[in-house]
C-alpha atoms as a PDB file:
ATOM      1  CA  UNK A   1       0.000   0.000   0.000  1.00  0.00           C
ATOM      2  CA  UNK A   2       1.334   3.429  -0.976  1.00  0.00           C
ATOM      3  CA  UNK A   3       1.200   6.206   1.589  1.00  0.00           C
ATOM      4  CA  UNK A   4       0.924   9.827   0.530  1.00  0.00           C
ATOM      5  CA  UNK A   5       4.052  11.832   1.430  1.00  0.00           C
ATOM      6  CA  UNK A   6       3.580  13.864   4.618  1.00  0.00           C
ATOM      7  CA  UNK A   7       4.607  17.064   2.846  1.00  0.00           C
ATOM      8  CA  UNK A   8       2.919  16.556  -0.503  1.00  0.00           C
ATOM      9  CA  UNK A   9       3.182  19.415  -3.015  1.00  0.00           C
ATOM     10  CA  UNK A  10      -0.235  19.996  -4.556  1.00  0.00           C
ATOM     11  CA  UNK A  11       1.117  21.678  -7.696  1.00  0.00           C
ATOM     12  CA  UNK A  12       3.525  18.814  -8.389  1.00  0.00           C
ATOM     13  CA  UNK A  13       0.807  16.245  -7.724  1.00  0.00           C
ATOM     14  CA  UNK A  14      -1.564  18.027 -10.124  1.00  0.00           C
ATOM     15  CA  UNK A  15       1.091  18.167 -12.842  1.00  0.00           C
ATOM     16  CA  UNK A  16       1.721  14.433 -12.463  1.00  0.00           C
ATOM     17  CA  UNK A  17      -2.004  13.707 -12.574  1.00  0.00           C
ATOM     18  CA  UNK A  18      -2.228  15.725 -15.787  1.00  0.00           C
ATOM     19  CA  UNK A  19       0.535  13.582 -17.256  1.00  0.00           C
ATOM     20  CA  UNK A  20      -1.460  10.483 -16.378  1.00  0.00           C
ATOM     21  CA  UNK A  21      -4.564  11.990 -18.002  1.00  0.00           C
ATOM     22  CA  UNK A  22      -2.645  12.722 -21.191  1.00  0.00           C
ATOM     23  CA  UNK A  23      -1.185   9.216 -21.203  1.00  0.00           C
ATOM     24  CA  UNK A  24      -4.489   7.442 -20.569  1.00  0.00           C
ATOM     25  CA  UNK A  25      -7.005   9.698 -22.367  1.00  0.00           C
ATOM     26  CA  UNK A  26      -4.925  10.884 -25.289  1.00  0.00           C
ATOM     27  CA  UNK A  27      -6.434  14.391 -25.229  1.00  0.00           C
ATOM     28  CA  UNK A  28      -7.336  16.856 -22.466  1.00  0.00           C
ATOM     29  CA  UNK A  29      -9.103  20.220 -22.530  1.00  0.00           C
ATOM     30  CA  UNK A  30      -8.440  22.922 -19.946  1.00  0.00           C
ATOM     31  CA  UNK A  31     -12.011  22.644 -18.657  1.00  0.00           C
ATOM     32  CA  UNK A  32     -11.680  18.860 -18.288  1.00  0.00           C
ATOM     33  CA  UNK A  33      -8.384  19.188 -16.438  1.00  0.00           C
ATOM     34  CA  UNK A  34      -9.818  21.806 -14.078  1.00  0.00           C
ATOM     35  CA  UNK A  35     -12.890  19.703 -13.311  1.00  0.00           C
ATOM     36  CA  UNK A  36     -10.935  16.470 -12.832  1.00  0.00           C
ATOM     37  CA  UNK A  37      -8.382  18.049 -10.490  1.00  0.00           C
ATOM     38  CA  UNK A  38     -10.767  20.421  -8.734  1.00  0.00           C
ATOM     39  CA  UNK A  39      -8.727  23.500  -9.581  1.00  0.00           C
ATOM     40  CA  UNK A  40      -9.399  26.821 -11.325  1.00  0.00           C
ATOM     41  CA  UNK A  41      -9.257  26.903 -15.134  1.00  0.00           C
ATOM     42  CA  UNK A  42      -6.440  29.456 -14.931  1.00  0.00           C
ATOM     43  CA  UNK A  43      -4.400  27.087 -12.774  1.00  0.00           C
ATOM     44  CA  UNK A  44      -5.039  24.178 -15.132  1.00  0.00           C
ATOM     45  CA  UNK A  45      -3.995  26.356 -18.071  1.00  0.00           C
ATOM     46  CA  UNK A  46      -0.715  27.308 -16.368  1.00  0.00           C
ATOM     47  CA  UNK A  47       0.082  23.684 -15.531  1.00  0.00           C
ATOM     48  CA  UNK A  48      -0.616  22.552 -19.099  1.00  0.00           C
ATOM     49  CA  UNK A  49       1.463  25.418 -20.471  1.00  0.00           C
ATOM     50  CA  UNK A  50       4.438  24.184 -18.440  1.00  0.00           C
ATOM     51  CA  UNK A  51       3.934  20.653 -19.766  1.00  0.00           C
ATOM     52  CA  UNK A  52       3.968  22.068 -23.291  1.00  0.00           C
ATOM     53  CA  UNK A  53       7.147  24.026 -22.493  1.00  0.00           C
ATOM     54  CA  UNK A  54       8.894  20.823 -21.386  1.00  0.00           C
ATOM     55  CA  UNK A  55       7.552  18.763 -24.345  1.00  0.00           C
ATOM     56  CA  UNK A  56       5.220  16.568 -22.274  1.00  0.00           C
ATOM     57  CA  UNK A  57       2.195  18.005 -24.085  1.00  0.00           C
ATOM     58  CA  UNK A  58       1.271  19.671 -27.365  1.00  0.00           C
ATOM     59  CA  UNK A  59      -1.708  21.869 -28.208  1.00  0.00           C
ATOM     60  CA  UNK A  60      -3.535  20.974 -31.414  1.00  0.00           C
ATOM     61  CA  UNK A  61      -5.594  23.192 -33.720  1.00  0.00           C
ATOM     62  CA  UNK A  62      -8.698  22.692 -31.565  1.00  0.00           C
ATOM     63  CA  UNK A  63      -6.837  24.028 -28.491  1.00  0.00           C
ATOM     64  CA  UNK A  64      -6.884  20.538 -27.013  1.00  0.00           C
ATOM     65  CA  UNK A  65      -3.783  19.218 -25.262  1.00  0.00           C
ATOM     66  CA  UNK A  66      -2.357  15.911 -26.476  1.00  0.00           C
ATOM     67  CA  UNK A  67       0.729  13.894 -25.414  1.00  0.00           C
ATOM     68  CA  UNK A  68       4.026  15.464 -26.421  1.00  0.00           C
ATOM     69  CA  UNK A  69       7.246  13.764 -27.538  1.00  0.00           C
ATOM     70  CA  UNK A  70       8.642  13.499 -24.006  1.00  0.00           C
ATOM     71  CA  UNK A  71       5.840  11.104 -22.996  1.00  0.00           C
ATOM     72  CA  UNK A  72       6.743   8.655 -25.740  1.00  0.00           C
ATOM     73  CA  UNK A  73      10.506   9.066 -25.554  1.00  0.00           C
ATOM     74  CA  UNK A  74      12.689   5.990 -25.435  1.00  0.00           C
ATOM     75  CA  UNK A  75      14.921   5.341 -22.451  1.00  0.00           C
ATOM     76  CA  UNK A  76      18.463   6.712 -22.695  1.00  0.00           C
ATOM     77  CA  UNK A  77      20.847   3.746 -22.679  1.00  0.00           C
ATOM     78  CA  UNK A  78      24.593   3.592 -22.178  1.00  0.00           C
ATOM     79  CA  UNK A  79      26.726   5.465 -19.618  1.00  0.00           C
ATOM     80  CA  UNK A  80      24.961   7.648 -17.081  1.00  0.00           C
ATOM     81  CA  UNK A  81      24.584  11.222 -18.325  1.00  0.00           C
ATOM     82  CA  UNK A  82      25.101  12.958 -14.971  1.00  0.00           C
ATOM     83  CA  UNK A  83      28.935  12.715 -15.132  1.00  0.00           C
ATOM     84  CA  UNK A  84      28.773  14.009 -18.698  1.00  0.00           C
ATOM     85  CA  UNK A  85      26.665  16.996 -17.668  1.00  0.00           C
ATOM     86  CA  UNK A  86      28.936  17.749 -14.717  1.00  0.00           C
ATOM     87  CA  UNK A  87      32.114  17.567 -16.783  1.00  0.00           C
ATOM     88  CA  UNK A  88      30.699  19.676 -19.623  1.00  0.00           C
ATOM     89  CA  UNK A  89      28.921  22.379 -17.612  1.00  0.00           C
ATOM     90  CA  UNK A  90      31.977  24.707 -17.328  1.00  0.00           C
ATOM     91  CA  UNK A  91      32.557  24.384 -21.065  1.00  0.00           C
ATOM     92  CA  UNK A  92      28.922  25.277 -21.810  1.00  0.00           C
ATOM     93  CA  UNK A  93      29.198  28.372 -19.621  1.00  0.00           C
ATOM     94  CA  UNK A  94      32.463  29.413 -21.265  1.00  0.00           C
ATOM     95  CA  UNK A  95      31.104  28.839 -24.779  1.00  0.00           C
ATOM     96  CA  UNK A  96      27.982  30.842 -23.962  1.00  0.00           C
ATOM     97  CA  UNK A  97      30.084  33.718 -22.647  1.00  0.00           C
ATOM     98  CA  UNK A  98      32.441  33.789 -25.626  1.00  0.00           C
ATOM     99  CA  UNK A  99      29.785  33.332 -28.313  1.00  0.00           C
ATOM    100  CA  UNK A 100      27.231  35.457 -26.437  1.00  0.00           C
ATOM    101  CA  UNK A 101      24.583  32.933 -27.435  1.00  0.00           C
ATOM    102  CA  UNK A 102      22.905  29.972 -25.735  1.00  0.00           C
ATOM    103  CA  UNK A 103      25.086  26.855 -25.626  1.00  0.00           C
ATOM    104  CA  UNK A 104      23.660  23.341 -25.318  1.00  0.00           C
ATOM    105  CA  UNK A 105      24.750  19.791 -24.524  1.00  0.00           C
ATOM    106  CA  UNK A 106      22.790  16.952 -26.115  1.00  0.00           C
ATOM    107  CA  UNK A 107      22.857  13.225 -26.777  1.00  0.00           C
ATOM    108  CA  UNK A 108      21.289  11.119 -29.511  1.00  0.00           C
ATOM    109  CA  UNK A 109      18.748   8.389 -28.756  1.00  0.00           C
ATOM    110  CA  UNK A 110      17.855   6.643 -32.008  1.00  0.00           C
ATOM    111  CA  UNK A 111      16.381   9.310 -34.254  1.00  0.00           C
ATOM    112  CA  UNK A 112      15.924  11.816 -31.428  1.00  0.00           C
ATOM    113  CA  UNK A 113      18.160  14.506 -29.974  1.00  0.00           C
ATOM    114  CA  UNK A 114      17.828  14.997 -26.201  1.00  0.00           C
ATOM    115  CA  UNK A 115      19.043  18.253 -24.642  1.00  0.00           C
ATOM    116  CA  UNK A 116      20.748  17.536 -21.306  1.00  0.00           C
ATOM    117  CA  UNK A 117      21.913  21.035 -20.347  1.00  0.00           C
ATOM    118  CA  UNK A 118      21.973  24.646 -21.504  1.00  0.00           C
ATOM    119  CA  UNK A 119      23.877  27.801 -20.661  1.00  0.00           C
ATOM    120  CA  UNK A 120      21.441  30.583 -21.489  1.00  0.00           C
ATOM    121  CA  UNK A 121      22.550  33.793 -23.184  1.00  0.00           C
ATOM    122  CA  UNK A 122      22.041  37.050 -21.298  1.00  0.00           C
ATOM    123  CA  UNK A 123      21.122  39.024 -24.412  1.00  0.00           C
ATOM    124  CA  UNK A 124      17.614  40.471 -24.452  1.00  0.00           C
ATOM    125  CA  UNK A 125      16.676  38.505 -27.569  1.00  0.00           C
ATOM    126  CA  UNK A 126      18.019  34.980 -27.168  1.00  0.00           C
ATOM    127  CA  UNK A 127      17.199  31.289 -27.397  1.00  0.00           C
ATOM    128  CA  UNK A 128      15.928  29.983 -24.061  1.00  0.00           C
ATOM    129  CA  UNK A 129      16.988  27.074 -21.888  1.00  0.00           C
ATOM    130  CA  UNK A 130      16.602  23.841 -23.882  1.00  0.00           C
ATOM    131  CA  UNK A 131      16.959  21.317 -21.044  1.00  0.00           C
ATOM    132  CA  UNK A 132      14.598  18.396 -21.577  1.00  0.00           C
ATOM    133  CA  UNK A 133      13.797  19.361 -25.160  1.00  0.00           C
ATOM    134  CA  UNK A 134      13.507  16.527 -27.687  1.00  0.00           C
ATOM    135  CA  UNK A 135      14.076  17.259 -31.382  1.00  0.00           C
ATOM    136  CA  UNK A 136      14.425  15.105 -34.501  1.00  0.00           C
ATOM    137  CA  UNK A 137      18.106  14.256 -34.869  1.00  0.00           C
ATOM    138  CA  UNK A 138      18.014  14.758 -38.647  1.00  0.00           C
ATOM    139  CA  UNK A 139      16.933  18.387 -38.213  1.00  0.00           C
ATOM    140  CA  UNK A 140      18.846  19.640 -35.169  1.00  0.00           C
ATOM    141  CA  UNK A 141      22.445  20.800 -35.582  1.00  0.00           C
ATOM    142  CA  UNK A 142      23.872  18.579 -32.838  1.00  0.00           C
ATOM    143  CA  UNK A 143      21.796  15.656 -34.042  1.00  0.00           C
ATOM    144  CA  UNK A 144      23.152  15.980 -37.563  1.00  0.00           C
ATOM    145  CA  UNK A 145      26.702  16.310 -36.233  1.00  0.00           C
ATOM    146  CA  UNK A 146      26.258  12.996 -34.397  1.00  0.00           C
ATOM    147  CA  UNK A 147      24.525  11.299 -37.340  1.00  0.00           C
ATOM    148  CA  UNK A 148      27.437  12.317 -39.560  1.00  0.00           C
ATOM    149  CA  UNK A 149      29.626   9.958 -37.510  1.00  0.00           C
ATOM    150  CA  UNK A 150      27.522   6.914 -38.488  1.00  0.00           C
ATOM    151  CA  UNK A 151      28.186   4.704 -41.493  1.00  0.00           C
ATOM    152  CA  UNK A 152      25.683   4.356 -44.342  1.00  0.00           C
ATOM    153  CA  UNK A 153      24.332   1.000 -43.128  1.00  0.00           C
ATOM    154  CA  UNK A 154      23.403   2.399 -39.727  1.00  0.00           C
ATOM    155  CA  UNK A 155      21.814   5.487 -41.275  1.00  0.00           C
ATOM    156  CA  UNK A 156      19.702   3.293 -43.517  1.00  0.00           C
ATOM    157  CA  UNK A 157      18.569   1.257 -40.510  1.00  0.00           C
ATOM    158  CA  UNK A 158      17.386   4.487 -38.889  1.00  0.00           C
ATOM    159  CA  UNK A 159      15.805   6.302 -41.798  1.00  0.00           C
ATOM    160  CA  UNK A 160      15.097   4.256 -44.886  1.00  0.00           C
ATOM    161  CA  UNK A 161      11.464   3.418 -45.733  1.00  0.00           C
ATOM    162  CA  UNK A 162      10.328   0.069 -44.375  1.00  0.00           C
ATOM    163  CA  UNK A 163      12.144   0.353 -41.051  1.00  0.00           C
ATOM    164  CA  UNK A 164       9.926   0.376 -37.957  1.00  0.00           C
ATOM    165  CA  UNK A 165      11.714   3.182 -36.120  1.00  0.00           C
ATOM    166  CA  UNK A 166      11.380   6.044 -38.559  1.00  0.00           C
ATOM    167  CA  UNK A 167      10.686   6.764 -42.209  1.00  0.00           C
ATOM    168  CA  UNK A 168      12.033   9.653 -44.243  1.00  0.00           C
ATOM    169  CA  UNK A 169      10.627  10.483 -47.695  1.00  0.00           C
ATOM    170  CA  UNK A 170      13.150  10.040 -50.487  1.00  0.00           C
ATOM    171  CA  UNK A 171      13.649  13.772 -50.987  1.00  0.00           C
ATOM    172  CA  UNK A 172      14.326  14.384 -47.289  1.00  0.00           C
ATOM    173  CA  UNK A 173      16.578  11.314 -47.088  1.00  0.00           C
ATOM    174  CA  UNK A 174      18.719  12.528 -49.988  1.00  0.00           C
ATOM    175  CA  UNK A 175      18.879  16.026 -48.514  1.00  0.00           C
ATOM    176  CA  UNK A 176      19.991  14.541 -45.198  1.00  0.00           C
ATOM    177  CA  UNK A 177      22.782  12.566 -46.867  1.00  0.00           C
ATOM    178  CA  UNK A 178      24.049  15.775 -48.507  1.00  0.00           C
ATOM    179  CA  UNK A 179      23.955  17.627 -45.197  1.00  0.00           C
ATOM    180  CA  UNK A 180      25.804  14.832 -43.402  1.00  0.00           C
ATOM    181  CA  UNK A 181      28.474  14.726 -46.102  1.00  0.00           C
ATOM    182  CA  UNK A 182      28.965  18.479 -45.680  1.00  0.00           C
ATOM    183  CA  UNK A 183      29.114  18.081 -41.890  1.00  0.00           C
ATOM    184  CA  UNK A 184      31.842  15.428 -42.182  1.00  0.00           C
ATOM    185  CA  UNK A 185      33.875  17.674 -44.487  1.00  0.00           C
ATOM    186  CA  UNK A 186      33.590  20.875 -42.466  1.00  0.00           C
ATOM    187  CA  UNK A 187      33.437  19.385 -38.963  1.00  0.00           C
ATOM    188  CA  UNK A 188      30.114  20.934 -37.941  1.00  0.00           C
ATOM    189  CA  UNK A 189      26.421  20.869 -38.849  1.00  0.00           C
ATOM    190  CA  UNK A 190      23.869  23.637 -39.270  1.00  0.00           C
ATOM    191  CA  UNK A 191      20.206  23.951 -38.410  1.00  0.00           C
ATOM    192  CA  UNK A 192      18.670  26.856 -40.312  1.00  0.00           C
ATOM    193  CA  UNK A 193      15.151  27.126 -38.889  1.00  0.00           C
ATOM    194  CA  UNK A 194      14.528  23.405 -39.416  1.00  0.00           C
ATOM    195  CA  UNK A 195      13.153  22.914 -35.909  1.00  0.00           C
ATOM    196  CA  UNK A 196      11.872  26.368 -34.987  1.00  0.00           C
ATOM    197  CA  UNK A 197      11.096  29.480 -37.000  1.00  0.00           C
ATOM    198  CA  UNK A 198      13.560  32.263 -36.291  1.00  0.00           C
ATOM    199  CA  UNK A 199      16.142  30.012 -34.610  1.00  0.00           C
ATOM    200  CA  UNK A 200      19.381  28.689 -36.109  1.00  0.00           C
ATOM    201  CA  UNK A 201      22.235  26.670 -34.608  1.00  0.00           C
ATOM    202  CA  UNK A 202      25.716  25.292 -35.121  1.00  0.00           C
ATOM    203  CA  UNK A 203      26.475  21.822 -33.724  1.00  0.00           C
ATOM    204  CA  UNK A 204      29.594  19.665 -33.250  1.00  0.00           C
ATOM    205  CA  UNK A 205      29.996  16.088 -32.054  1.00  0.00           C
ATOM    206  CA  UNK A 206      31.811  15.231 -28.819  1.00  0.00           C
ATOM    207  CA  UNK A 207      34.119  12.208 -28.569  1.00  0.00           C
ATOM    208  CA  UNK A 208      35.563  10.298 -25.646  1.00  0.00           C
ATOM    209  CA  UNK A 209      39.156   9.096 -25.358  1.00  0.00           C
ATOM    210  CA  UNK A 210      38.488   6.110 -27.627  1.00  0.00           C
ATOM    211  CA  UNK A 211      36.963   8.290 -30.349  1.00  0.00           C
ATOM    212  CA  UNK A 212      33.361   7.248 -29.692  1.00  0.00           C
ATOM    213  CA  UNK A 213      30.635   9.898 -29.975  1.00  0.00           C
ATOM    214  CA  UNK A 214      29.100  10.597 -26.556  1.00  0.00           C
ATOM    215  CA  UNK A 215      27.112  13.738 -27.384  1.00  0.00           C
ATOM    216  CA  UNK A 216      27.285  17.108 -29.093  1.00  0.00           C
ATOM    217  CA  UNK A 217      27.617  20.795 -28.291  1.00  0.00           C
ATOM    218  CA  UNK A 218      25.581  23.419 -30.103  1.00  0.00           C
ATOM    219  CA  UNK A 219      25.243  27.186 -30.181  1.00  0.00           C
ATOM    220  CA  UNK A 220      21.670  28.382 -30.742  1.00  0.00           C
ATOM    221  CA  UNK A 221      20.795  31.918 -31.724  1.00  0.00           C
ATOM    222  CA  UNK A 222      18.116  34.030 -33.391  1.00  0.00           C
ATOM    223  CA  UNK A 223      18.569  33.575 -37.149  1.00  0.00           C
ATOM    224  CA  UNK A 224      18.905  37.336 -37.557  1.00  0.00           C
ATOM    225  CA  UNK A 225      22.153  37.181 -35.549  1.00  0.00           C
ATOM    226  CA  UNK A 226      23.514  33.959 -37.028  1.00  0.00           C
ATOM    227  CA  UNK A 227      23.963  34.842 -40.670  1.00  0.00           C
ATOM    228  CA  UNK A 228      26.618  33.414 -42.985  1.00  0.00           C
ATOM    229  CA  UNK A 229      29.060  36.177 -42.035  1.00  0.00           C
ATOM    230  CA  UNK A 230      28.987  35.247 -38.322  1.00  0.00           C
ATOM    231  CA  UNK A 231      29.020  31.461 -38.588  1.00  0.00           C
ATOM    232  CA  UNK A 232      32.842  31.153 -38.944  1.00  0.00           C
ATOM    233  CA  UNK A 233      33.377  33.005 -35.653  1.00  0.00           C
ATOM    234  CA  UNK A 234      30.811  30.850 -33.853  1.00  0.00           C
ATOM    235  CA  UNK A 235      32.375  27.718 -35.348  1.00  0.00           C
ATOM    236  CA  UNK A 236      35.795  28.741 -34.012  1.00  0.00           C
ATOM    237  CA  UNK A 237      34.413  29.207 -30.503  1.00  0.00           C
ATOM    238  CA  UNK A 238      32.514  25.917 -30.665  1.00  0.00           C
ATOM    239  CA  UNK A 239      35.537  24.026 -31.988  1.00  0.00           C
ATOM    240  CA  UNK A 240      37.679  25.399 -29.165  1.00  0.00           C
ATOM    241  CA  UNK A 241      35.052  24.410 -26.585  1.00  0.00           C
ATOM    242  CA  UNK A 242      34.782  20.887 -28.025  1.00  0.00           C
ATOM    243  CA  UNK A 243      38.568  20.424 -27.909  1.00  0.00           C
ATOM    244  CA  UNK A 244      38.723  21.425 -24.245  1.00  0.00           C
ATOM    245  CA  UNK A 245      35.648  19.359 -23.402  1.00  0.00           C
ATOM    246  CA  UNK A 246      37.046  16.235 -25.061  1.00  0.00           C
ATOM    247  CA  UNK A 247      40.237  16.637 -23.064  1.00  0.00           C
ATOM    248  CA  UNK A 248      38.200  16.574 -19.853  1.00  0.00           C
ATOM    249  CA  UNK A 249      36.125  13.617 -21.055  1.00  0.00           C
ATOM    250  CA  UNK A 250      39.268  11.491 -21.248  1.00  0.00           C
ATOM    251  CA  UNK A 251      39.573  11.689 -17.464  1.00  0.00           C
ATOM    252  CA  UNK A 252      36.035  10.464 -16.763  1.00  0.00           C
ATOM    253  CA  UNK A 253      36.079   6.900 -15.386  1.00  0.00           C
ATOM    254  CA  UNK A 254      32.785   6.093 -17.177  1.00  0.00           C
ATOM    255  CA  UNK A 255      34.558   6.627 -20.470  1.00  0.00           C
END
């Protein structure tokens, strides 16, 4: 028998109950959430808005909330990510300060990119904290940088039609192959508003001491500030951060 915690937090409990409603019902309206939880509509709206912000819910065209990508995300396998986050945090902060844009650490899980940490820019107009965000790997800059490290057979397992995990139309598949070839040649990948209007990013893969990819660093910025003329400078800062980060990764016992 489960006992309720003596110092239960009502707001946390309500958010978790909303997650269960989304999981079990498939769609939830603000009025339904308020009635089910016995809270004001404004409170239900704020809770659902936070779930949307963290990718646990999406709002469709009928203003109904449905499960977001975080609810169906696969488990992250392999080494624990906490040591990776701890080791890379100073490098994220330094990259953010030098580039004056938001810096991110991410890993790839199948065809998804998971953001583990962010160092948020202090500029008035900036890309916000991405922690917990899940994006398609073939569209995000860090995801493409990591995919570029895979051989053709593995890429086909992930993206060719007929595979159960994901299917890319022929045109998008061919475009992806061109982007990955460019990423291998230049050492970085770009995301030009492929995941969010008005946002662009530069991403680079991170390797451990044995040369295995363990994640990626990216710099995200408003597209208006990340034009072709500024990309070389951002790439230099990112490349420097990756080099220092990989040096630290060699000392981690998990790797």
